[in-house]
Amino acid sequence: MENEKVSCWNCTFFAISWDPSYRYECKKMNFKSNLLPSQQVKVIDKRDCLAFESKKEKNQRNKRK
């Protein structure tokens, strides 16, 4: 899964916020944004989000247990 594109929609830590001003939330980094958190990180840090954890990869690990 290393080739998977970093996108909040595919991340374990992504959530939709109740706050209309900050619709998207990253539970790992504990912040809300009006942009997708992975996009916000890219704007600020100029690189892909390092907290990204693929939902698919996590599900596969849980199935192996």
C-alpha atoms as a PDB file:
ATOM      1  CA  MET A   1       0.000   0.000   0.000  1.00  0.00           C
ATOM      2  CA  GLU A   2       3.002   2.308  -0.033  1.00  0.00           C
ATOM      3  CA  ASN A   3       1.980   3.532  -3.494  1.00  0.00           C
ATOM      4  CA  GLU A   4      -1.421   4.665  -2.264  1.00  0.00           C
ATOM      5  CA  LYS A   5      -2.018   8.372  -2.692  1.00  0.00           C
ATOM      6  CA  VAL A   6      -2.165  10.348   0.559  1.00  0.00           C
ATOM      7  CA  SER A   7      -5.770  11.472   0.788  1.00  0.00           C
ATOM      8  CA  CYS A   8      -7.926  12.096   3.818  1.00  0.00           C
ATOM      9  CA  TRP A   9     -10.750  10.127   2.196  1.00  0.00           C
ATOM     10  CA  ASN A  10      -8.543   7.014   2.468  1.00  0.00           C
ATOM     11  CA  CYS A  11      -7.170   7.764   5.956  1.00  0.00           C
ATOM     12  CA  THR A  12      -8.109   6.122   9.239  1.00  0.00           C
ATOM     13  CA  PHE A  13      -7.873   9.416  11.148  1.00  0.00           C
ATOM     14  CA  PHE A  14     -10.158  11.484   8.904  1.00  0.00           C
ATOM     15  CA  ALA A  15     -13.574  12.642  10.107  1.00  0.00           C
ATOM     16  CA  ILE A  16     -16.285  15.067   9.064  1.00  0.00           C
ATOM     17  CA  SER A  17     -16.706  17.791  11.647  1.00  0.00           C
ATOM     18  CA  TRP A  18     -20.013  19.188  12.900  1.00  0.00           C
ATOM     19  CA  ASP A  19     -18.555  22.714  12.643  1.00  0.00           C
ATOM     20  CA  PRO A  20     -19.693  24.367   9.362  1.00  0.00           C
ATOM     21  CA  SER A  21     -16.640  26.673   9.347  1.00  0.00           C
ATOM     22  CA  TYR A  22     -14.203  23.748   9.641  1.00  0.00           C
ATOM     23  CA  ARG A  23     -15.857  20.763   7.946  1.00  0.00           C
ATOM     24  CA  TYR A  24     -12.920  18.365   8.014  1.00  0.00           C
ATOM     25  CA  GLU A  25     -11.025  16.927  10.965  1.00  0.00           C
ATOM     26  CA  CYS A  26      -7.806  14.997  11.534  1.00  0.00           C
ATOM     27  CA  LYS A  27      -8.084  12.939  14.709  1.00  0.00           C
ATOM     28  CA  LYS A  28      -4.372  12.040  14.688  1.00  0.00           C
ATOM     29  CA  MET A  29      -3.126  15.642  14.589  1.00  0.00           C
ATOM     30  CA  ASN A  30      -6.168  16.975  16.428  1.00  0.00           C
ATOM     31  CA  PHE A  31      -7.168  19.855  14.154  1.00  0.00           C
ATOM     32  CA  LYS A  32     -10.080  20.963  11.973  1.00  0.00           C
ATOM     33  CA  SER A  33      -9.866  22.753   8.646  1.00  0.00           C
ATOM     34  CA  ASN A  34     -12.014  24.082   5.828  1.00  0.00           C
ATOM     35  CA  LEU A  35      -9.645  22.230   3.472  1.00  0.00           C
ATOM     36  CA  LEU A  36      -9.034  18.510   3.684  1.00  0.00           C
ATOM     37  CA  PRO A  37      -6.377  18.096   6.394  1.00  0.00           C
ATOM     38  CA  SER A  38      -3.967  16.429   3.945  1.00  0.00           C
ATOM     39  CA  GLN A  39      -4.288  19.488   1.677  1.00  0.00           C
ATOM     40  CA  GLN A  40      -3.781  21.833   4.631  1.00  0.00           C
ATOM     41  CA  VAL A  41      -0.607  19.952   5.617  1.00  0.00           C
ATOM     42  CA  LYS A  42       0.645  20.151   2.021  1.00  0.00           C
ATOM     43  CA  VAL A  43       0.082  23.931   1.950  1.00  0.00           C
ATOM     44  CA  ILE A  44       1.839  24.507   5.280  1.00  0.00           C
ATOM     45  CA  ASP A  45       4.583  21.870   5.211  1.00  0.00           C
ATOM     46  CA  LYS A  46       5.089  21.472   1.432  1.00  0.00           C
ATOM     47  CA  ARG A  47       5.010  17.674   1.719  1.00  0.00           C
ATOM     48  CA  ASP A  48       2.509  14.850   2.066  1.00  0.00           C
ATOM     49  CA  CYS A  49       0.917  14.234   5.441  1.00  0.00           C
ATOM     50  CA  LEU A  50       3.122  12.010   7.600  1.00  0.00           C
ATOM     51  CA  ALA A  51       0.202  10.938   9.817  1.00  0.00           C
ATOM     52  CA  PHE A  52      -1.601   9.208   6.938  1.00  0.00           C
ATOM     53  CA  GLU A  53      -2.683   5.638   7.684  1.00  0.00           C
ATOM     54  CA  SER A  54      -4.569   3.801   4.983  1.00  0.00           C
ATOM     55  CA  LYS A  55      -7.984   2.409   5.936  1.00  0.00           C
ATOM     56  CA  LYS A  56      -7.331  -0.543   3.633  1.00  0.00           C
ATOM     57  CA  GLU A  57      -3.992  -1.323   5.239  1.00  0.00           C
ATOM     58  CA  LYS A  58      -5.451  -1.123   8.755  1.00  0.00           C
ATOM     59  CA  ASN A  59      -8.347  -3.413   7.773  1.00  0.00           C
ATOM     60  CA  GLN A  60      -5.930  -5.977   6.350  1.00  0.00           C
ATOM     61  CA  ARG A  61      -3.849  -5.935   9.556  1.00  0.00           C
ATOM     62  CA  ASN A  62      -6.979  -6.421  11.674  1.00  0.00           C
ATOM     63  CA  LYS A  63      -8.079  -9.407   9.540  1.00  0.00           C
ATOM     64  CA  ARG A  64      -4.719 -11.112  10.123  1.00  0.00           C
ATOM     65  CA  LYS A  65      -5.072 -10.960  13.921  1.00  0.00           C
END
